[in-house]
Amino acid sequence: MATPAFQFTTKATIATFGGTLLKLTHESAVLGCPMAINVFFPPGAFGRSTPKVPVLWYLAGLTCSGDNGAEKGFFNYWAAKYGIAVVYPDTSPRSSNHPGEHDAYDFGSAAGFYLDATKEPWAQNYKMETYITSELPAALYSYFIVLDNSRVSLMGHSMGGHGALTLFFKHPGKYKSTSAFAPIVNPSKCPWGQKAFSGYLASKQEWAKHDATELIKAYSGADLDIFISCGLSDENLIGGQLLIDNFVAAAKEAGRDRQVTVKYAPDYDHSYYYVSSLAQEHVEHAAKHLGVL
């Protein structure tokens, strides 16, 4: 085993769907605090060095941690079927103790918005983009050598859907695919995003760099294959937090409307009942791009 960037401590080893879910902790230098993650390994992953296992990252939403998707998303069943590892990171630092950090569900603790803050005091350790795209994967791929760092995809829910889309656009070539459940796709225009961006970012000019609707207009990479799904009874779709139509319009403006698929599911809401019901389609979307379907 190669020397990792930092040491993981295993808090639990859980058998599930023929594979293994590890609950891990570590100290993050980027975030300046201890962090917890979940990692699912498909059947037969341990005890071999080749072929390596492709990796799918699941980014969770507001109020959530790495436990939500691992325990309620039903992703592990489909990941086991296709031989994919799933990484479930946390959604923010947990012990920075800034004033007001734990006062609201939509800002601070459990609401890091997958960006690097530039406004004090949050800029000191709310650096979720660097943590998710650099520090944590470097450590995981060196510690668990069975993970294939050349075959990696992203998916996410709500705030995590925002993260899955924006990180895909901002790091071209790093991820094979991205998909999102009920994502916040135009945060510059919705209450959740405006609150987060006002708090984390020092200048309003920075907002577009973290907004998927703006990023797809400027994206100059290869053809896309983005899959978005959402329940038609989703209270946040109805309430104007998600603004999926704005993203679709931006994709059309950029000549990429045929590269974005949006599926609306009648009756479903914003909860993990919905996420788990659509888990198969999202894992299979990634599996296609990871070369296992």
C-alpha atoms as a PDB file:
ATOM      1  CA  MET A   1       0.000   0.000   0.000  1.00  0.00           C
ATOM      2  CA  ALA A   2       1.394   3.389  -1.014  1.00  0.00           C
ATOM      3  CA  THR A   3       1.986   6.076   1.585  1.00  0.00           C
ATOM      4  CA  PRO A   4      -1.232   8.154   1.701  1.00  0.00           C
ATOM      5  CA  ALA A   5      -1.521  11.917   1.875  1.00  0.00           C
ATOM      6  CA  PHE A   6      -3.168  11.323   5.223  1.00  0.00           C
ATOM      7  CA  GLN A   7      -4.203   8.354   7.314  1.00  0.00           C
ATOM      8  CA  PHE A   8      -7.730   6.975   7.318  1.00  0.00           C
ATOM      9  CA  THR A   9      -9.250   5.425  10.424  1.00  0.00           C
ATOM     10  CA  THR A  10     -11.924   2.787   9.867  1.00  0.00           C
ATOM     11  CA  LYS A  11     -14.876   3.291  12.211  1.00  0.00           C
ATOM     12  CA  ALA A  12     -17.092   0.568  10.749  1.00  0.00           C
ATOM     13  CA  THR A  13     -16.940  -2.191   8.140  1.00  0.00           C
ATOM     14  CA  ILE A  14     -20.371  -3.154   6.836  1.00  0.00           C
ATOM     15  CA  ALA A  15     -21.295  -5.941   4.439  1.00  0.00           C
ATOM     16  CA  THR A  16     -23.905  -4.823   1.917  1.00  0.00           C
ATOM     17  CA  PHE A  17     -25.063  -6.244  -1.437  1.00  0.00           C
ATOM     18  CA  GLY A  18     -22.052  -8.556  -1.525  1.00  0.00           C
ATOM     19  CA  GLY A  19     -19.660  -5.621  -1.188  1.00  0.00           C
ATOM     20  CA  THR A  20     -18.208  -3.617   1.691  1.00  0.00           C
ATOM     21  CA  LEU A  21     -19.080  -0.166   3.012  1.00  0.00           C
ATOM     22  CA  LEU A  22     -16.324   1.478   5.037  1.00  0.00           C
ATOM     23  CA  LYS A  23     -17.050   4.361   7.378  1.00  0.00           C
ATOM     24  CA  LEU A  24     -13.819   6.334   7.595  1.00  0.00           C
ATOM     25  CA  THR A  25     -12.437   9.392   9.351  1.00  0.00           C
ATOM     26  CA  HIS A  26      -9.341  11.479   8.665  1.00  0.00           C
ATOM     27  CA  GLU A  27      -7.784  14.855   9.379  1.00  0.00           C
ATOM     28  CA  SER A  28      -8.055  17.312   6.486  1.00  0.00           C
ATOM     29  CA  ALA A  29      -5.301  19.904   6.118  1.00  0.00           C
ATOM     30  CA  VAL A  30      -7.374  21.806   3.542  1.00  0.00           C
ATOM     31  CA  LEU A  31     -10.437  22.106   5.780  1.00  0.00           C
ATOM     32  CA  GLY A  32      -8.484  22.244   9.020  1.00  0.00           C
ATOM     33  CA  CYS A  33     -10.648  19.744  10.864  1.00  0.00           C
ATOM     34  CA  PRO A  34     -11.480  16.039  11.148  1.00  0.00           C
ATOM     35  CA  MET A  35     -13.795  14.697   8.455  1.00  0.00           C
ATOM     36  CA  ALA A  36     -15.870  11.554   7.959  1.00  0.00           C
ATOM     37  CA  ILE A  37     -16.612   9.784   4.667  1.00  0.00           C
ATOM     38  CA  ASN A  38     -18.224   6.570   3.456  1.00  0.00           C
ATOM     39  CA  VAL A  39     -16.769   4.411   0.690  1.00  0.00           C
ATOM     40  CA  PHE A  40     -18.520   1.435  -0.902  1.00  0.00           C
ATOM     41  CA  PHE A  41     -16.385  -1.251  -2.546  1.00  0.00           C
ATOM     42  CA  PRO A  42     -18.149  -3.705  -4.880  1.00  0.00           C
ATOM     43  CA  PRO A  43     -17.872  -7.497  -4.458  1.00  0.00           C
ATOM     44  CA  GLY A  44     -14.370  -8.815  -5.073  1.00  0.00           C
ATOM     45  CA  ALA A  45     -12.688  -5.408  -4.937  1.00  0.00           C
ATOM     46  CA  PHE A  46     -10.358  -6.259  -2.079  1.00  0.00           C
ATOM     47  CA  GLY A  47      -7.493  -8.653  -2.499  1.00  0.00           C
ATOM     48  CA  ARG A  48      -6.747  -7.664  -6.076  1.00  0.00           C
ATOM     49  CA  SER A  49      -4.673  -4.994  -7.728  1.00  0.00           C
ATOM     50  CA  THR A  50      -6.036  -5.379 -11.247  1.00  0.00           C
ATOM     51  CA  PRO A  51      -8.359  -4.683 -12.874  1.00  0.00           C
ATOM     52  CA  LYS A  52      -8.909  -1.561 -10.831  1.00  0.00           C
ATOM     53  CA  VAL A  53     -12.406  -0.455  -9.846  1.00  0.00           C
ATOM     54  CA  PRO A  54     -14.033   2.642 -11.405  1.00  0.00           C
ATOM     55  CA  VAL A  55     -15.241   5.287  -8.974  1.00  0.00           C
ATOM     56  CA  LEU A  56     -18.496   7.222  -8.680  1.00  0.00           C
ATOM     57  CA  TRP A  57     -18.671  10.184  -6.289  1.00  0.00           C
ATOM     58  CA  TYR A  58     -22.033  11.069  -4.737  1.00  0.00           C
ATOM     59  CA  LEU A  59     -22.382  14.627  -3.429  1.00  0.00           C
ATOM     60  CA  ALA A  60     -25.191  15.088  -0.922  1.00  0.00           C
ATOM     61  CA  GLY A  61     -27.453  18.053  -0.311  1.00  0.00           C
ATOM     62  CA  LEU A  62     -28.314  20.535   2.407  1.00  0.00           C
ATOM     63  CA  THR A  63     -28.508  19.136   5.974  1.00  0.00           C
ATOM     64  CA  CYS A  64     -26.804  15.922   4.828  1.00  0.00           C
ATOM     65  CA  SER A  65     -23.519  14.140   5.447  1.00  0.00           C
ATOM     66  CA  GLY A  66     -21.758  11.243   3.779  1.00  0.00           C
ATOM     67  CA  ASP A  67     -24.122   8.883   5.579  1.00  0.00           C
ATOM     68  CA  ASN A  68     -27.315   9.870   3.766  1.00  0.00           C
ATOM     69  CA  GLY A  69     -26.511   8.568   0.311  1.00  0.00           C
ATOM     70  CA  ALA A  70     -24.663   5.531   1.646  1.00  0.00           C
ATOM     71  CA  GLU A  71     -27.541   4.460   3.861  1.00  0.00           C
ATOM     72  CA  LYS A  72     -30.642   5.678   2.013  1.00  0.00           C
ATOM     73  CA  GLY A  73     -29.736   6.229  -1.640  1.00  0.00           C
ATOM     74  CA  PHE A  74     -29.808   2.562  -2.761  1.00  0.00           C
ATOM     75  CA  PHE A  75     -26.750   3.269  -4.888  1.00  0.00           C
ATOM     76  CA  ASN A  76     -24.733   0.399  -3.440  1.00  0.00           C
ATOM     77  CA  TYR A  77     -27.050  -2.216  -4.928  1.00  0.00           C
ATOM     78  CA  TRP A  78     -26.537  -0.932  -8.468  1.00  0.00           C
ATOM     79  CA  ALA A  79     -22.857  -0.176  -7.907  1.00  0.00           C
ATOM     80  CA  ALA A  80     -22.355  -3.770  -6.775  1.00  0.00           C
ATOM     81  CA  LYS A  81     -24.056  -5.004  -9.939  1.00  0.00           C
ATOM     82  CA  TYR A  82     -21.716  -3.032 -12.201  1.00  0.00           C
ATOM     83  CA  GLY A  83     -18.532  -3.308 -10.132  1.00  0.00           C
ATOM     84  CA  ILE A  84     -18.291   0.379  -9.212  1.00  0.00           C
ATOM     85  CA  ALA A  85     -16.935   1.928  -6.008  1.00  0.00           C
ATOM     86  CA  VAL A  86     -18.947   4.832  -4.565  1.00  0.00           C
ATOM     87  CA  VAL A  87     -17.435   7.649  -2.492  1.00  0.00           C
ATOM     88  CA  TYR A  88     -19.749   9.581  -0.175  1.00  0.00           C
ATOM     89  CA  PRO A  89     -17.939  12.665   1.206  1.00  0.00           C
ATOM     90  CA  ASP A  90     -19.356  15.102   3.751  1.00  0.00           C
ATOM     91  CA  THR A  91     -20.969  18.389   2.718  1.00  0.00           C
ATOM     92  CA  SER A  92     -18.892  20.875   4.751  1.00  0.00           C
ATOM     93  CA  PRO A  93     -16.320  21.230   7.490  1.00  0.00           C
ATOM     94  CA  ARG A  94     -17.877  20.307  10.831  1.00  0.00           C
ATOM     95  CA  SER A  95     -15.938  22.050  13.580  1.00  0.00           C
ATOM     96  CA  SER A  96     -14.673  25.415  12.368  1.00  0.00           C
ATOM     97  CA  ASN A  97     -16.764  27.208  15.023  1.00  0.00           C
ATOM     98  CA  HIS A  98     -17.295  30.420  13.090  1.00  0.00           C
ATOM     99  CA  PRO A  99     -20.053  32.649  14.463  1.00  0.00           C
ATOM    100  CA  GLY A 100     -23.386  31.431  13.121  1.00  0.00           C
ATOM    101  CA  GLU A 101     -21.894  28.334  11.533  1.00  0.00           C
ATOM    102  CA  HIS A 102     -24.495  25.988  13.002  1.00  0.00           C
ATOM    103  CA  ASP A 103     -27.472  28.359  13.100  1.00  0.00           C
ATOM    104  CA  ALA A 104     -29.158  27.598   9.757  1.00  0.00           C
ATOM    105  CA  TYR A 105     -29.767  24.515   7.621  1.00  0.00           C
ATOM    106  CA  ASP A 106     -28.842  26.313   4.378  1.00  0.00           C
ATOM    107  CA  PHE A 107     -25.549  27.979   5.312  1.00  0.00           C
ATOM    108  CA  GLY A 108     -22.463  26.878   7.210  1.00  0.00           C
ATOM    109  CA  SER A 109     -22.421  23.401   8.682  1.00  0.00           C
ATOM    110  CA  ALA A 110     -23.742  20.791   6.188  1.00  0.00           C
ATOM    111  CA  ALA A 111     -24.078  23.507   3.527  1.00  0.00           C
ATOM    112  CA  GLY A 112     -20.640  24.049   2.002  1.00  0.00           C
ATOM    113  CA  PHE A 113     -21.955  24.352  -1.588  1.00  0.00           C
ATOM    114  CA  TYR A 114     -18.849  22.598  -2.994  1.00  0.00           C
ATOM    115  CA  LEU A 115     -16.920  25.828  -3.523  1.00  0.00           C
ATOM    116  CA  ASP A 116     -13.825  27.459  -2.034  1.00  0.00           C
ATOM    117  CA  ALA A 117     -14.979  30.427   0.037  1.00  0.00           C
ATOM    118  CA  THR A 118     -13.223  33.751  -0.510  1.00  0.00           C
ATOM    119  CA  LYS A 119     -14.952  35.787   2.210  1.00  0.00           C
ATOM    120  CA  GLU A 120     -13.709  35.779   5.786  1.00  0.00           C
ATOM    121  CA  PRO A 121     -13.965  33.951   8.080  1.00  0.00           C
ATOM    122  CA  TRP A 122     -15.218  31.175   5.782  1.00  0.00           C
ATOM    123  CA  ALA A 123     -12.182  31.414   3.482  1.00  0.00           C
ATOM    124  CA  GLN A 124     -10.044  29.964   6.273  1.00  0.00           C
ATOM    125  CA  ASN A 125     -11.449  26.444   5.915  1.00  0.00           C
ATOM    126  CA  TYR A 126     -14.621  26.277   3.794  1.00  0.00           C
ATOM    127  CA  LYS A 127     -12.691  24.957   0.794  1.00  0.00           C
ATOM    128  CA  MET A 128     -14.930  22.146  -0.329  1.00  0.00           C
ATOM    129  CA  GLU A 129     -13.984  22.362  -4.012  1.00  0.00           C
ATOM    130  CA  THR A 130     -10.299  21.776  -3.258  1.00  0.00           C
ATOM    131  CA  TYR A 131     -11.168  19.066  -0.758  1.00  0.00           C
ATOM    132  CA  ILE A 132     -13.470  17.161  -3.147  1.00  0.00           C
ATOM    133  CA  THR A 133     -11.431  17.547  -6.338  1.00  0.00           C
ATOM    134  CA  SER A 134      -7.877  17.399  -4.988  1.00  0.00           C
ATOM    135  CA  GLU A 135      -7.063  16.525  -1.381  1.00  0.00           C
ATOM    136  CA  LEU A 136      -9.535  13.728  -0.713  1.00  0.00           C
ATOM    137  CA  PRO A 137      -9.240  11.870  -4.057  1.00  0.00           C
ATOM    138  CA  ALA A 138      -5.434  12.013  -3.962  1.00  0.00           C
ATOM    139  CA  ALA A 139      -5.484  10.425  -0.533  1.00  0.00           C
ATOM    140  CA  LEU A 140      -8.129   7.817  -1.362  1.00  0.00           C
ATOM    141  CA  TYR A 141      -6.524   6.687  -4.597  1.00  0.00           C
ATOM    142  CA  SER A 142      -3.119   6.283  -2.974  1.00  0.00           C
ATOM    143  CA  TYR A 143      -4.470   4.543   0.128  1.00  0.00           C
ATOM    144  CA  PHE A 144      -6.897   2.215  -1.675  1.00  0.00           C
ATOM    145  CA  ILE A 145      -4.860   1.261  -4.716  1.00  0.00           C
ATOM    146  CA  VAL A 146      -7.729  -0.791  -6.154  1.00  0.00           C
ATOM    147  CA  LEU A 147      -9.552   2.473  -7.034  1.00  0.00           C
ATOM    148  CA  ASP A 148      -9.058   3.559 -10.642  1.00  0.00           C
ATOM    149  CA  ASN A 149      -8.322   7.286 -10.719  1.00  0.00           C
ATOM    150  CA  SER A 150      -8.570   7.300 -14.522  1.00  0.00           C
ATOM    151  CA  ARG A 151     -12.261   6.283 -14.462  1.00  0.00           C
ATOM    152  CA  VAL A 152     -14.180   8.648 -12.202  1.00  0.00           C
ATOM    153  CA  SER A 153     -17.700  10.075 -12.463  1.00  0.00           C
ATOM    154  CA  LEU A 154     -19.850  12.452 -10.410  1.00  0.00           C
ATOM    155  CA  MET A 155     -23.476  12.578  -9.328  1.00  0.00           C
ATOM    156  CA  GLY A 156     -25.290  14.541  -6.659  1.00  0.00           C
ATOM    157  CA  HIS A 157     -28.605  15.579  -5.130  1.00  0.00           C
ATOM    158  CA  SER A 158     -29.913  19.134  -4.690  1.00  0.00           C
ATOM    159  CA  MET A 159     -26.932  21.186  -3.412  1.00  0.00           C
ATOM    160  CA  GLY A 160     -24.874  18.124  -4.336  1.00  0.00           C
ATOM    161  CA  GLY A 161     -26.370  18.205  -7.821  1.00  0.00           C
ATOM    162  CA  HIS A 162     -25.119  21.782  -8.043  1.00  0.00           C
ATOM    163  CA  GLY A 163     -21.707  20.476  -6.983  1.00  0.00           C
ATOM    164  CA  ALA A 164     -21.721  17.586  -9.441  1.00  0.00           C
ATOM    165  CA  LEU A 165     -22.481  19.891 -12.361  1.00  0.00           C
ATOM    166  CA  THR A 166     -20.208  22.794 -11.459  1.00  0.00           C
ATOM    167  CA  LEU A 167     -17.198  20.652 -10.556  1.00  0.00           C
ATOM    168  CA  PHE A 168     -17.601  18.732 -13.816  1.00  0.00           C
ATOM    169  CA  PHE A 169     -17.561  21.988 -15.809  1.00  0.00           C
ATOM    170  CA  LYS A 170     -14.725  23.550 -13.804  1.00  0.00           C
ATOM    171  CA  HIS A 171     -12.425  20.530 -14.032  1.00  0.00           C
ATOM    172  CA  PRO A 172     -12.704  19.345 -17.646  1.00  0.00           C
ATOM    173  CA  GLY A 173     -11.306  15.899 -18.248  1.00  0.00           C
ATOM    174  CA  LYS A 174     -11.251  14.949 -14.579  1.00  0.00           C
ATOM    175  CA  TYR A 175     -14.622  13.183 -14.659  1.00  0.00           C
ATOM    176  CA  LYS A 176     -16.077  10.835 -17.268  1.00  0.00           C
ATOM    177  CA  SER A 177     -19.651  11.948 -16.648  1.00  0.00           C
ATOM    178  CA  THR A 178     -21.990  13.839 -14.360  1.00  0.00           C
ATOM    179  CA  SER A 179     -25.638  13.558 -13.389  1.00  0.00           C
ATOM    180  CA  ALA A 180     -27.890  15.213 -10.844  1.00  0.00           C
ATOM    181  CA  PHE A 181     -31.046  14.571  -8.855  1.00  0.00           C
ATOM    182  CA  ALA A 182     -33.147  17.727  -8.422  1.00  0.00           C
ATOM    183  CA  PRO A 183     -30.104  20.012  -8.645  1.00  0.00           C
ATOM    184  CA  ILE A 184     -29.802  23.684  -7.785  1.00  0.00           C
ATOM    185  CA  VAL A 185     -28.722  24.639 -11.293  1.00  0.00           C
ATOM    186  CA  ASN A 186     -28.933  28.440 -11.188  1.00  0.00           C
ATOM    187  CA  PRO A 187     -27.920  29.394  -7.641  1.00  0.00           C
ATOM    188  CA  SER A 188     -27.263  33.019  -8.571  1.00  0.00           C
ATOM    189  CA  LYS A 189     -31.010  33.383  -9.112  1.00  0.00           C
ATOM    190  CA  CYS A 190     -32.512  31.391  -6.210  1.00  0.00           C
ATOM    191  CA  PRO A 191     -32.750  32.105  -2.456  1.00  0.00           C
ATOM    192  CA  TRP A 192     -30.553  29.181  -1.377  1.00  0.00           C
ATOM    193  CA  GLY A 193     -27.758  30.118  -3.750  1.00  0.00           C
ATOM    194  CA  GLN A 194     -27.964  33.851  -3.147  1.00  0.00           C
ATOM    195  CA  LYS A 195     -27.654  33.317   0.606  1.00  0.00           C
ATOM    196  CA  ALA A 196     -24.709  30.947   0.218  1.00  0.00           C
ATOM    197  CA  PHE A 197     -22.860  33.026  -2.373  1.00  0.00           C
ATOM    198  CA  SER A 198     -23.365  36.249  -0.402  1.00  0.00           C
ATOM    199  CA  GLY A 199     -21.918  34.581   2.667  1.00  0.00           C
ATOM    200  CA  TYR A 200     -19.035  32.630   1.134  1.00  0.00           C
ATOM    201  CA  LEU A 201     -17.858  34.804  -1.757  1.00  0.00           C
ATOM    202  CA  ALA A 202     -16.171  38.168  -1.372  1.00  0.00           C
ATOM    203  CA  SER A 203     -17.499  39.609  -4.637  1.00  0.00           C
ATOM    204  CA  LYS A 204     -20.676  39.147  -6.643  1.00  0.00           C
ATOM    205  CA  GLN A 205     -18.473  38.910  -9.723  1.00  0.00           C
ATOM    206  CA  GLU A 206     -17.445  35.460  -8.471  1.00  0.00           C
ATOM    207  CA  TRP A 207     -20.957  34.037  -8.521  1.00  0.00           C
ATOM    208  CA  ALA A 208     -20.960  32.967 -12.168  1.00  0.00           C
ATOM    209  CA  LYS A 209     -17.926  30.734 -11.560  1.00  0.00           C
ATOM    210  CA  HIS A 210     -20.083  28.549  -9.310  1.00  0.00           C
ATOM    211  CA  ASP A 211     -23.326  28.549 -11.288  1.00  0.00           C
ATOM    212  CA  ALA A 212     -23.999  25.650 -13.679  1.00  0.00           C
ATOM    213  CA  THR A 213     -26.334  27.746 -15.825  1.00  0.00           C
ATOM    214  CA  GLU A 214     -23.543  30.246 -16.446  1.00  0.00           C
ATOM    215  CA  LEU A 215     -20.840  27.593 -16.764  1.00  0.00           C
ATOM    216  CA  ILE A 216     -22.546  25.644 -19.545  1.00  0.00           C
ATOM    217  CA  LYS A 217     -22.722  28.828 -21.633  1.00  0.00           C
ATOM    218  CA  ALA A 218     -18.943  29.204 -21.428  1.00  0.00           C
ATOM    219  CA  TYR A 219     -18.021  25.505 -21.602  1.00  0.00           C
ATOM    220  CA  SER A 220     -15.781  24.766 -24.573  1.00  0.00           C
ATOM    221  CA  GLY A 221     -15.003  21.120 -23.923  1.00  0.00           C
ATOM    222  CA  ALA A 222     -16.113  18.014 -25.774  1.00  0.00           C
ATOM    223  CA  ASP A 223     -19.715  16.966 -26.286  1.00  0.00           C
ATOM    224  CA  LEU A 224     -21.645  16.519 -23.058  1.00  0.00           C
ATOM    225  CA  ASP A 225     -24.038  13.829 -21.858  1.00  0.00           C
ATOM    226  CA  ILE A 226     -25.655  15.329 -18.776  1.00  0.00           C
ATOM    227  CA  PHE A 227     -28.569  13.560 -17.102  1.00  0.00           C
ATOM    228  CA  ILE A 228     -30.854  15.469 -14.716  1.00  0.00           C
ATOM    229  CA  SER A 229     -33.926  14.060 -13.040  1.00  0.00           C
ATOM    230  CA  CYS A 230     -36.479  15.692 -10.768  1.00  0.00           C
ATOM    231  CA  GLY A 231     -39.837  14.873  -9.200  1.00  0.00           C
ATOM    232  CA  LEU A 232     -42.767  16.939 -10.420  1.00  0.00           C
ATOM    233  CA  SER A 233     -44.039  17.194  -6.833  1.00  0.00           C
ATOM    234  CA  ASP A 234     -40.674  18.441  -5.599  1.00  0.00           C
ATOM    235  CA  GLU A 235     -41.465  21.367  -3.319  1.00  0.00           C
ATOM    236  CA  ASN A 236     -38.179  23.035  -4.219  1.00  0.00           C
ATOM    237  CA  LEU A 237     -38.850  22.798  -7.946  1.00  0.00           C
ATOM    238  CA  ILE A 238     -42.271  24.332  -7.378  1.00  0.00           C
ATOM    239  CA  GLY A 239     -40.835  26.932  -4.989  1.00  0.00           C
ATOM    240  CA  GLY A 240     -38.220  28.264  -7.402  1.00  0.00           C
ATOM    241  CA  GLN A 241     -35.038  26.926  -5.778  1.00  0.00           C
ATOM    242  CA  LEU A 242     -33.945  24.577  -8.573  1.00  0.00           C
ATOM    243  CA  LEU A 243     -34.667  26.577 -11.769  1.00  0.00           C
ATOM    244  CA  ILE A 244     -33.976  23.631 -14.071  1.00  0.00           C
ATOM    245  CA  ASP A 245     -35.670  25.406 -16.989  1.00  0.00           C
ATOM    246  CA  ASN A 246     -32.983  28.105 -16.799  1.00  0.00           C
ATOM    247  CA  PHE A 247     -30.262  25.495 -17.246  1.00  0.00           C
ATOM    248  CA  VAL A 248     -32.072  23.918 -20.180  1.00  0.00           C
ATOM    249  CA  ALA A 249     -32.424  27.342 -21.812  1.00  0.00           C
ATOM    250  CA  ALA A 250     -28.714  28.049 -21.282  1.00  0.00           C
ATOM    251  CA  ALA A 251     -27.819  24.686 -22.822  1.00  0.00           C
ATOM    252  CA  LYS A 252     -29.923  25.558 -25.860  1.00  0.00           C
ATOM    253  CA  GLU A 253     -28.268  28.981 -26.092  1.00  0.00           C
ATOM    254  CA  ALA A 254     -24.879  27.241 -26.100  1.00  0.00           C
ATOM    255  CA  GLY A 255     -25.999  24.787 -28.789  1.00  0.00           C
ATOM    256  CA  ARG A 256     -25.872  21.917 -26.307  1.00  0.00           C
ATOM    257  CA  ASP A 257     -29.570  21.241 -25.730  1.00  0.00           C
ATOM    258  CA  ARG A 258     -29.269  17.753 -27.243  1.00  0.00           C
ATOM    259  CA  GLN A 259     -26.444  17.031 -24.783  1.00  0.00           C
ATOM    260  CA  VAL A 260     -28.685  17.528 -21.738  1.00  0.00           C
ATOM    261  CA  THR A 261     -31.440  15.084 -20.809  1.00  0.00           C
ATOM    262  CA  VAL A 262     -33.990  16.096 -18.170  1.00  0.00           C
ATOM    263  CA  LYS A 263     -36.434  13.521 -16.837  1.00  0.00           C
ATOM    264  CA  TYR A 264     -39.370  14.630 -14.722  1.00  0.00           C
ATOM    265  CA  ALA A 265     -40.957  11.932 -12.583  1.00  0.00           C
ATOM    266  CA  PRO A 266     -44.639  12.400 -11.690  1.00  0.00           C
ATOM    267  CA  ASP A 267     -45.567  12.456  -7.982  1.00  0.00           C
ATOM    268  CA  TYR A 268     -42.032  12.308  -6.545  1.00  0.00           C
ATOM    269  CA  ASP A 269     -40.764  14.902  -4.061  1.00  0.00           C
ATOM    270  CA  HIS A 270     -37.260  16.046  -3.031  1.00  0.00           C
ATOM    271  CA  SER A 271     -36.592  13.288  -0.497  1.00  0.00           C
ATOM    272  CA  TYR A 272     -34.489  10.124  -0.494  1.00  0.00           C
ATOM    273  CA  TYR A 273     -37.621   8.180  -1.381  1.00  0.00           C
ATOM    274  CA  TYR A 274     -37.207   9.849  -4.757  1.00  0.00           C
ATOM    275  CA  VAL A 275     -33.411   9.541  -4.876  1.00  0.00           C
ATOM    276  CA  SER A 276     -33.494   5.806  -4.135  1.00  0.00           C
ATOM    277  CA  SER A 277     -36.252   5.267  -6.701  1.00  0.00           C
ATOM    278  CA  LEU A 278     -34.150   6.821  -9.481  1.00  0.00           C
ATOM    279  CA  ALA A 279     -30.782   5.471  -8.287  1.00  0.00           C
ATOM    280  CA  GLN A 280     -30.606   2.841 -11.028  1.00  0.00           C
ATOM    281  CA  GLU A 281     -30.815   5.371 -13.852  1.00  0.00           C
ATOM    282  CA  HIS A 282     -28.063   7.559 -12.416  1.00  0.00           C
ATOM    283  CA  VAL A 283     -25.678   4.710 -11.641  1.00  0.00           C
ATOM    284  CA  GLU A 284     -26.253   3.250 -15.096  1.00  0.00           C
ATOM    285  CA  HIS A 285     -25.603   6.660 -16.678  1.00  0.00           C
ATOM    286  CA  ALA A 286     -22.221   6.685 -14.938  1.00  0.00           C
ATOM    287  CA  ALA A 287     -21.583   2.999 -15.666  1.00  0.00           C
ATOM    288  CA  LYS A 288     -21.920   3.655 -19.399  1.00  0.00           C
ATOM    289  CA  HIS A 289     -19.238   6.351 -19.268  1.00  0.00           C
ATOM    290  CA  LEU A 290     -17.027   4.355 -16.909  1.00  0.00           C
ATOM    291  CA  GLY A 291     -16.940   1.503 -19.407  1.00  0.00           C
ATOM    292  CA  VAL A 292     -18.745  -1.147 -17.388  1.00  0.00           C
ATOM    293  CA  LEU A 293     -22.126  -1.072 -19.157  1.00  0.00           C
END
